[in-house]
Amino acid sequence: MRKLFHWPLDPASRLVRLVLAEKQLDFDLVVSPPWKPAEEVTRLYANPVGPVLIDQGQHGRVVANHTHAIIEFLEEQYRDVKVLPMLAPDRAEARRLWRWVETRFESEINGSILAERIAQAVQRTSAPDSAVLRRGAHALRGVLTYLNALCEHHSYLTGRQLTVADLAAAANLSALDYFGDVHWDNVPDLREWYVRVKSRPCFRDLLKDSLTGTKPAAHYADLDF
């Protein structure tokens, strides 16, 4: 059996949940906030980064931390459904875009927009810092423009096949979309792509997530928004 330590609106946790669900693997969820990891997690890692997966299978007990370690393990061990393409050049491109998405969101967007929203919603701090939100919104517009260009001629970000790059982008955008911070009308091709990804079975449980006292944007769980 598998156990995933996660936090519902953490994009890294969402990505791992999407991959597990896309591969149709059963797993139990244990809430472990980034600012206060679960005790079992702190016994495993002194400074855990993002989600932690414990997999107890035919290969024995495996513990993995962070998206790349977890997803590469899952891709190697559970091959019935792949989130990386068959051909090596295509795998390289999927990995490149996966890394690009995570790096851009983590360094320029999630630390501003998402952190401010979560601080207000969960930790009940004062009103969000408008200057920080403006910087994050500017960075987000650039990322959305690039992703929209990738979607102009293909069904998915790297071509005709859904890959981990799509799931990484969707995981990050879905967390921001919970608070209504993604202006989809400005990126119509990306919006069509998001509807396509959002409609997959792997997305169902994510769309049920909610924060106590903070409702998602009205269109958050709408598959045709």
C-alpha atoms as a PDB file:
ATOM      1  CA  MET A   1       0.000   0.000   0.000  1.00  0.00           C
ATOM      2  CA  ARG A   2       1.057   3.586  -0.511  1.00  0.00           C
ATOM      3  CA  LYS A   3       0.855   6.585   1.793  1.00  0.00           C
ATOM      4  CA  LEU A   4       1.314  10.141   0.565  1.00  0.00           C
ATOM      5  CA  PHE A   5       2.026  12.939   3.022  1.00  0.00           C
ATOM      6  CA  HIS A   6       0.682  16.085   1.371  1.00  0.00           C
ATOM      7  CA  TRP A   7      -1.037  19.405   1.800  1.00  0.00           C
ATOM      8  CA  PRO A   8      -4.116  19.971  -0.401  1.00  0.00           C
ATOM      9  CA  LEU A   9      -3.097  23.247  -2.083  1.00  0.00           C
ATOM     10  CA  ASP A  10       0.614  22.545  -2.309  1.00  0.00           C
ATOM     11  CA  PRO A  11       1.300  22.290  -6.089  1.00  0.00           C
ATOM     12  CA  ALA A  12       4.042  19.689  -5.592  1.00  0.00           C
ATOM     13  CA  SER A  13       1.674  17.488  -3.597  1.00  0.00           C
ATOM     14  CA  ARG A  14      -0.997  17.980  -6.242  1.00  0.00           C
ATOM     15  CA  LEU A  15       1.382  16.862  -8.964  1.00  0.00           C
ATOM     16  CA  VAL A  16       2.186  13.608  -7.164  1.00  0.00           C
ATOM     17  CA  ARG A  17      -1.511  12.978  -6.537  1.00  0.00           C
ATOM     18  CA  LEU A  18      -2.227  13.494 -10.239  1.00  0.00           C
ATOM     19  CA  VAL A  19       0.513  11.074 -11.277  1.00  0.00           C
ATOM     20  CA  LEU A  20      -0.647   8.417  -8.805  1.00  0.00           C
ATOM     21  CA  ALA A  21      -4.233   8.786  -9.994  1.00  0.00           C
ATOM     22  CA  GLU A  22      -3.266   8.830 -13.673  1.00  0.00           C
ATOM     23  CA  LYS A  23      -1.406   5.564 -13.107  1.00  0.00           C
ATOM     24  CA  GLN A  24      -4.500   4.234 -11.293  1.00  0.00           C
ATOM     25  CA  LEU A  25      -2.526   3.434  -8.149  1.00  0.00           C
ATOM     26  CA  ASP A  26      -4.286   3.293  -4.791  1.00  0.00           C
ATOM     27  CA  PHE A  27      -2.910   5.472  -2.011  1.00  0.00           C
ATOM     28  CA  ASP A  28      -3.849   6.928   1.358  1.00  0.00           C
ATOM     29  CA  LEU A  29      -3.531  10.642   1.999  1.00  0.00           C
ATOM     30  CA  VAL A  30      -2.109  12.082   5.208  1.00  0.00           C
ATOM     31  CA  VAL A  31      -2.213  15.854   5.661  1.00  0.00           C
ATOM     32  CA  SER A  32       1.233  17.273   6.346  1.00  0.00           C
ATOM     33  CA  PRO A  33       1.385  21.105   6.088  1.00  0.00           C
ATOM     34  CA  PRO A  34       4.697  22.543   4.819  1.00  0.00           C
ATOM     35  CA  TRP A  35       4.948  24.773   7.893  1.00  0.00           C
ATOM     36  CA  LYS A  36       4.236  21.885  10.300  1.00  0.00           C
ATOM     37  CA  PRO A  37       5.081  18.476   8.777  1.00  0.00           C
ATOM     38  CA  ALA A  38       3.486  15.358  10.213  1.00  0.00           C
ATOM     39  CA  GLU A  39       5.503  13.684  12.961  1.00  0.00           C
ATOM     40  CA  GLU A  40       6.071  10.579  10.834  1.00  0.00           C
ATOM     41  CA  VAL A  41       7.586  12.785   8.121  1.00  0.00           C
ATOM     42  CA  THR A  42       9.985  14.525  10.494  1.00  0.00           C
ATOM     43  CA  ARG A  43      11.167  11.122  11.714  1.00  0.00           C
ATOM     44  CA  LEU A  44      12.021  10.234   8.108  1.00  0.00           C
ATOM     45  CA  TYR A  45      13.568  13.554   7.038  1.00  0.00           C
ATOM     46  CA  ALA A  46      15.035  16.367   9.072  1.00  0.00           C
ATOM     47  CA  ASN A  47      14.063  18.956   6.448  1.00  0.00           C
ATOM     48  CA  PRO A  48      11.449  17.460   4.113  1.00  0.00           C
ATOM     49  CA  VAL A  49      10.780  19.363   0.889  1.00  0.00           C
ATOM     50  CA  GLY A  50       7.269  18.947  -0.449  1.00  0.00           C
ATOM     51  CA  PRO A  51       5.378  15.652  -0.491  1.00  0.00           C
ATOM     52  CA  VAL A  52       6.682  12.379   0.916  1.00  0.00           C
ATOM     53  CA  LEU A  53       5.614   9.001  -0.461  1.00  0.00           C
ATOM     54  CA  ILE A  54       5.899   5.669   1.347  1.00  0.00           C
ATOM     55  CA  ASP A  55       5.407   2.746  -1.018  1.00  0.00           C
ATOM     56  CA  GLN A  56       5.193  -0.761   0.388  1.00  0.00           C
ATOM     57  CA  GLY A  57       5.161  -3.168  -2.553  1.00  0.00           C
ATOM     58  CA  GLN A  58       6.845  -6.148  -4.097  1.00  0.00           C
ATOM     59  CA  HIS A  59      10.090  -4.192  -4.268  1.00  0.00           C
ATOM     60  CA  GLY A  60      10.003  -3.615  -0.498  1.00  0.00           C
ATOM     61  CA  ARG A  61       9.499  -0.390   1.414  1.00  0.00           C
ATOM     62  CA  VAL A  62      10.517   2.733  -0.487  1.00  0.00           C
ATOM     63  CA  VAL A  63      10.445   6.260   0.911  1.00  0.00           C
ATOM     64  CA  ALA A  64      10.777   9.160  -1.521  1.00  0.00           C
ATOM     65  CA  ASN A  65      10.698  12.917  -1.004  1.00  0.00           C
ATOM     66  CA  HIS A  66      10.051  15.692  -3.555  1.00  0.00           C
ATOM     67  CA  THR A  67       8.353  15.451  -6.915  1.00  0.00           C
ATOM     68  CA  HIS A  68      11.252  14.288  -9.084  1.00  0.00           C
ATOM     69  CA  ALA A  69      12.329  11.444  -6.802  1.00  0.00           C
ATOM     70  CA  ILE A  70       8.740  10.278  -6.308  1.00  0.00           C
ATOM     71  CA  ILE A  71       7.624  10.481  -9.927  1.00  0.00           C
ATOM     72  CA  GLU A  72      10.751   8.924 -11.418  1.00  0.00           C
ATOM     73  CA  PHE A  73      10.334   6.035  -8.964  1.00  0.00           C
ATOM     74  CA  LEU A  74       6.684   5.585  -9.902  1.00  0.00           C
ATOM     75  CA  GLU A  75       7.509   5.743 -13.600  1.00  0.00           C
ATOM     76  CA  GLU A  76      10.156   3.032 -13.257  1.00  0.00           C
ATOM     77  CA  GLN A  77       8.107   0.712 -11.061  1.00  0.00           C
ATOM     78  CA  TYR A  78       4.581   1.088 -12.446  1.00  0.00           C
ATOM     79  CA  ARG A  79       4.743   1.003 -16.225  1.00  0.00           C
ATOM     80  CA  ASP A  80       1.187   0.138 -17.241  1.00  0.00           C
ATOM     81  CA  VAL A  81       0.415   3.846 -17.574  1.00  0.00           C
ATOM     82  CA  LYS A  82       3.302   6.156 -18.469  1.00  0.00           C
ATOM     83  CA  VAL A  83       3.580   9.886 -17.832  1.00  0.00           C
ATOM     84  CA  LEU A  84       6.821  10.151 -19.802  1.00  0.00           C
ATOM     85  CA  PRO A  85       6.891   9.486 -23.577  1.00  0.00           C
ATOM     86  CA  MET A  86       8.310   6.312 -25.096  1.00  0.00           C
ATOM     87  CA  LEU A  87      10.999   7.972 -27.243  1.00  0.00           C
ATOM     88  CA  ALA A  88      14.126   9.350 -25.543  1.00  0.00           C
ATOM     89  CA  PRO A  89      14.061  12.790 -27.254  1.00  0.00           C
ATOM     90  CA  ASP A  90      10.425  13.231 -26.242  1.00  0.00           C
ATOM     91  CA  ARG A  91      11.200  12.177 -22.662  1.00  0.00           C
ATOM     92  CA  ALA A  92      13.981  14.747 -22.552  1.00  0.00           C
ATOM     93  CA  GLU A  93      11.617  17.494 -23.686  1.00  0.00           C
ATOM     94  CA  ALA A  94       8.930  16.457 -21.194  1.00  0.00           C
ATOM     95  CA  ARG A  95      11.496  16.505 -18.389  1.00  0.00           C
ATOM     96  CA  ARG A  96      12.824  19.894 -19.536  1.00  0.00           C
ATOM     97  CA  LEU A  97       9.380  21.475 -19.512  1.00  0.00           C
ATOM     98  CA  TRP A  98       8.478  19.784 -16.226  1.00  0.00           C
ATOM     99  CA  ARG A  99      11.566  21.323 -14.630  1.00  0.00           C
ATOM    100  CA  TRP A 100      10.893  24.695 -16.267  1.00  0.00           C
ATOM    101  CA  VAL A 101       7.320  24.788 -14.962  1.00  0.00           C
ATOM    102  CA  GLU A 102       8.301  23.899 -11.404  1.00  0.00           C
ATOM    103  CA  THR A 103      11.232  26.324 -11.359  1.00  0.00           C
ATOM    104  CA  ARG A 104       9.270  29.277 -12.716  1.00  0.00           C
ATOM    105  CA  PHE A 105       6.295  28.762 -10.429  1.00  0.00           C
ATOM    106  CA  GLU A 106       8.356  28.063  -7.317  1.00  0.00           C
ATOM    107  CA  SER A 107      10.778  30.957  -7.788  1.00  0.00           C
ATOM    108  CA  GLU A 108       8.498  33.678  -9.155  1.00  0.00           C
ATOM    109  CA  ILE A 109       4.828  32.920  -8.500  1.00  0.00           C
ATOM    110  CA  ASN A 110       4.034  30.516  -5.677  1.00  0.00           C
ATOM    111  CA  GLY A 111       6.214  32.364  -3.206  1.00  0.00           C
ATOM    112  CA  SER A 112       4.218  35.517  -3.854  1.00  0.00           C
ATOM    113  CA  ILE A 113       0.631  34.957  -4.990  1.00  0.00           C
ATOM    114  CA  LEU A 114       0.029  31.518  -3.502  1.00  0.00           C
ATOM    115  CA  ALA A 115       1.946  32.205  -0.291  1.00  0.00           C
ATOM    116  CA  GLU A 116      -0.009  35.412   0.293  1.00  0.00           C
ATOM    117  CA  ARG A 117      -3.355  33.740  -0.384  1.00  0.00           C
ATOM    118  CA  ILE A 118      -2.602  30.797   1.882  1.00  0.00           C
ATOM    119  CA  ALA A 119      -1.254  33.005   4.660  1.00  0.00           C
ATOM    120  CA  GLN A 120      -4.507  34.933   4.652  1.00  0.00           C
ATOM    121  CA  ALA A 121      -6.794  31.904   4.272  1.00  0.00           C
ATOM    122  CA  VAL A 122      -5.106  29.414   6.600  1.00  0.00           C
ATOM    123  CA  GLN A 123      -2.919  31.363   8.969  1.00  0.00           C
ATOM    124  CA  ARG A 124      -5.378  34.273   9.142  1.00  0.00           C
ATOM    125  CA  THR A 125      -2.821  36.995   8.644  1.00  0.00           C
ATOM    126  CA  SER A 126      -3.672  40.531   7.617  1.00  0.00           C
ATOM    127  CA  ALA A 127      -4.678  41.495   4.082  1.00  0.00           C
ATOM    128  CA  PRO A 128      -2.316  40.274   1.326  1.00  0.00           C
ATOM    129  CA  ASP A 129       0.636  42.478   0.409  1.00  0.00           C
ATOM    130  CA  SER A 130      -0.510  44.178  -2.810  1.00  0.00           C
ATOM    131  CA  ALA A 131       3.047  44.820  -4.015  1.00  0.00           C
ATOM    132  CA  VAL A 132       3.942  41.145  -3.649  1.00  0.00           C
ATOM    133  CA  LEU A 133       0.758  40.132  -5.474  1.00  0.00           C
ATOM    134  CA  ARG A 134       1.560  42.518  -8.342  1.00  0.00           C
ATOM    135  CA  ARG A 135       5.019  41.024  -8.780  1.00  0.00           C
ATOM    136  CA  GLY A 136       3.582  37.539  -8.790  1.00  0.00           C
ATOM    137  CA  ALA A 137       0.833  38.501 -11.235  1.00  0.00           C
ATOM    138  CA  HIS A 138       3.399  39.961 -13.628  1.00  0.00           C
ATOM    139  CA  ALA A 139       5.467  36.767 -13.523  1.00  0.00           C
ATOM    140  CA  LEU A 140       2.333  34.656 -13.957  1.00  0.00           C
ATOM    141  CA  ARG A 141       1.332  36.551 -17.108  1.00  0.00           C
ATOM    142  CA  GLY A 142       4.677  35.705 -18.687  1.00  0.00           C
ATOM    143  CA  VAL A 143       4.342  32.009 -17.841  1.00  0.00           C
ATOM    144  CA  LEU A 144       0.757  31.874 -19.091  1.00  0.00           C
ATOM    145  CA  THR A 145       1.769  33.491 -22.391  1.00  0.00           C
ATOM    146  CA  TYR A 146       4.486  30.908 -22.950  1.00  0.00           C
ATOM    147  CA  LEU A 147       2.244  27.961 -22.060  1.00  0.00           C
ATOM    148  CA  ASN A 148      -0.526  29.356 -24.256  1.00  0.00           C
ATOM    149  CA  ALA A 149       1.890  29.432 -27.210  1.00  0.00           C
ATOM    150  CA  LEU A 150       2.707  25.758 -26.641  1.00  0.00           C
ATOM    151  CA  CYS A 151      -0.993  24.924 -26.799  1.00  0.00           C
ATOM    152  CA  GLU A 152      -1.695  26.752 -30.052  1.00  0.00           C
ATOM    153  CA  HIS A 153      -0.861  23.784 -32.267  1.00  0.00           C
ATOM    154  CA  HIS A 154      -0.968  20.740 -29.972  1.00  0.00           C
ATOM    155  CA  SER A 155      -3.438  19.074 -27.633  1.00  0.00           C
ATOM    156  CA  TYR A 156      -0.838  18.923 -24.852  1.00  0.00           C
ATOM    157  CA  LEU A 157       2.219  20.961 -23.920  1.00  0.00           C
ATOM    158  CA  THR A 158       4.806  18.726 -25.586  1.00  0.00           C
ATOM    159  CA  GLY A 159       2.660  17.319 -28.395  1.00  0.00           C
ATOM    160  CA  ARG A 160      -0.259  14.921 -28.777  1.00  0.00           C
ATOM    161  CA  GLN A 161       0.341  12.935 -25.593  1.00  0.00           C
ATOM    162  CA  LEU A 162      -0.272  13.982 -21.997  1.00  0.00           C
ATOM    163  CA  THR A 163       2.966  13.916 -20.002  1.00  0.00           C
ATOM    164  CA  VAL A 164       4.212  14.854 -16.567  1.00  0.00           C
ATOM    165  CA  ALA A 165       4.837  18.358 -17.948  1.00  0.00           C
ATOM    166  CA  ASP A 166       1.078  18.819 -18.412  1.00  0.00           C
ATOM    167  CA  LEU A 167       0.374  17.475 -14.937  1.00  0.00           C
ATOM    168  CA  ALA A 168       2.990  19.779 -13.387  1.00  0.00           C
ATOM    169  CA  ALA A 169       1.527  22.843 -15.091  1.00  0.00           C
ATOM    170  CA  ALA A 170      -2.028  21.815 -14.194  1.00  0.00           C
ATOM    171  CA  ALA A 171      -1.069  21.178 -10.560  1.00  0.00           C
ATOM    172  CA  ASN A 172       0.385  24.664 -10.192  1.00  0.00           C
ATOM    173  CA  LEU A 173      -2.377  26.427 -12.098  1.00  0.00           C
ATOM    174  CA  SER A 174      -5.115  24.587 -10.202  1.00  0.00           C
ATOM    175  CA  ALA A 175      -3.782  25.813  -6.863  1.00  0.00           C
ATOM    176  CA  LEU A 176      -3.824  29.400  -8.109  1.00  0.00           C
ATOM    177  CA  ASP A 177      -7.207  28.867  -9.752  1.00  0.00           C
ATOM    178  CA  TYR A 178      -8.672  27.920  -6.367  1.00  0.00           C
ATOM    179  CA  PHE A 179      -8.315  31.598  -5.453  1.00  0.00           C
ATOM    180  CA  GLY A 180      -9.315  32.868  -8.916  1.00  0.00           C
ATOM    181  CA  ASP A 181      -5.856  34.220  -9.757  1.00  0.00           C
ATOM    182  CA  VAL A 182      -5.617  32.777 -13.287  1.00  0.00           C
ATOM    183  CA  HIS A 183      -7.161  35.048 -15.926  1.00  0.00           C
ATOM    184  CA  TRP A 184      -8.135  32.402 -18.456  1.00  0.00           C
ATOM    185  CA  ASP A 185      -9.797  34.797 -20.896  1.00  0.00           C
ATOM    186  CA  ASN A 186      -6.360  36.145 -21.835  1.00  0.00           C
ATOM    187  CA  VAL A 187      -5.038  32.700 -22.821  1.00  0.00           C
ATOM    188  CA  PRO A 188      -7.783  30.906 -24.790  1.00  0.00           C
ATOM    189  CA  ASP A 189      -5.626  28.046 -26.076  1.00  0.00           C
ATOM    190  CA  LEU A 190      -4.297  27.352 -22.606  1.00  0.00           C
ATOM    191  CA  ARG A 191      -7.843  27.473 -21.292  1.00  0.00           C
ATOM    192  CA  GLU A 192      -8.888  24.751 -23.753  1.00  0.00           C
ATOM    193  CA  TRP A 193      -5.888  22.693 -22.664  1.00  0.00           C
ATOM    194  CA  TYR A 194      -6.806  23.129 -18.997  1.00  0.00           C
ATOM    195  CA  VAL A 195     -10.384  22.012 -19.646  1.00  0.00           C
ATOM    196  CA  ARG A 196      -8.955  18.925 -21.372  1.00  0.00           C
ATOM    197  CA  VAL A 197      -6.638  18.071 -18.464  1.00  0.00           C
ATOM    198  CA  LYS A 198      -9.134  19.068 -15.786  1.00  0.00           C
ATOM    199  CA  SER A 199     -11.688  16.647 -17.268  1.00  0.00           C
ATOM    200  CA  ARG A 200      -9.455  13.610 -16.812  1.00  0.00           C
ATOM    201  CA  PRO A 201     -10.404  11.160 -14.024  1.00  0.00           C
ATOM    202  CA  CYS A 202      -7.124  11.865 -12.212  1.00  0.00           C
ATOM    203  CA  PHE A 203      -8.333  15.416 -11.495  1.00  0.00           C
ATOM    204  CA  ARG A 204     -11.576  14.511  -9.729  1.00  0.00           C
ATOM    205  CA  ASP A 205     -10.284  14.388  -6.164  1.00  0.00           C
ATOM    206  CA  LEU A 206      -8.291  17.613  -6.531  1.00  0.00           C
ATOM    207  CA  LEU A 207     -11.446  19.470  -7.486  1.00  0.00           C
ATOM    208  CA  LYS A 208     -13.034  18.356  -4.206  1.00  0.00           C
ATOM    209  CA  ASP A 209     -10.329  20.018  -2.090  1.00  0.00           C
ATOM    210  CA  SER A 210     -11.359  22.928   0.068  1.00  0.00           C
ATOM    211  CA  LEU A 211      -9.898  25.118   2.773  1.00  0.00           C
ATOM    212  CA  THR A 212     -11.935  25.648   5.913  1.00  0.00           C
ATOM    213  CA  GLY A 213     -13.395  29.129   5.813  1.00  0.00           C
ATOM    214  CA  THR A 214     -12.246  29.872   2.261  1.00  0.00           C
ATOM    215  CA  LYS A 215     -14.389  28.747  -0.639  1.00  0.00           C
ATOM    216  CA  PRO A 216     -12.820  28.177  -4.063  1.00  0.00           C
ATOM    217  CA  ALA A 217     -13.551  30.441  -7.019  1.00  0.00           C
ATOM    218  CA  ALA A 218     -16.980  29.788  -8.500  1.00  0.00           C
ATOM    219  CA  HIS A 219     -15.581  28.099 -11.619  1.00  0.00           C
ATOM    220  CA  TYR A 220     -12.921  26.056  -9.794  1.00  0.00           C
ATOM    221  CA  ALA A 221     -14.639  22.653 -10.068  1.00  0.00           C
ATOM    222  CA  ASP A 222     -16.549  23.453 -13.274  1.00  0.00           C
ATOM    223  CA  LEU A 223     -15.302  21.230 -16.092  1.00  0.00           C
ATOM    224  CA  ASP A 224     -16.617  23.585 -18.762  1.00  0.00           C
ATOM    225  CA  PHE A 225     -15.968  27.077 -17.449  1.00  0.00           C
END
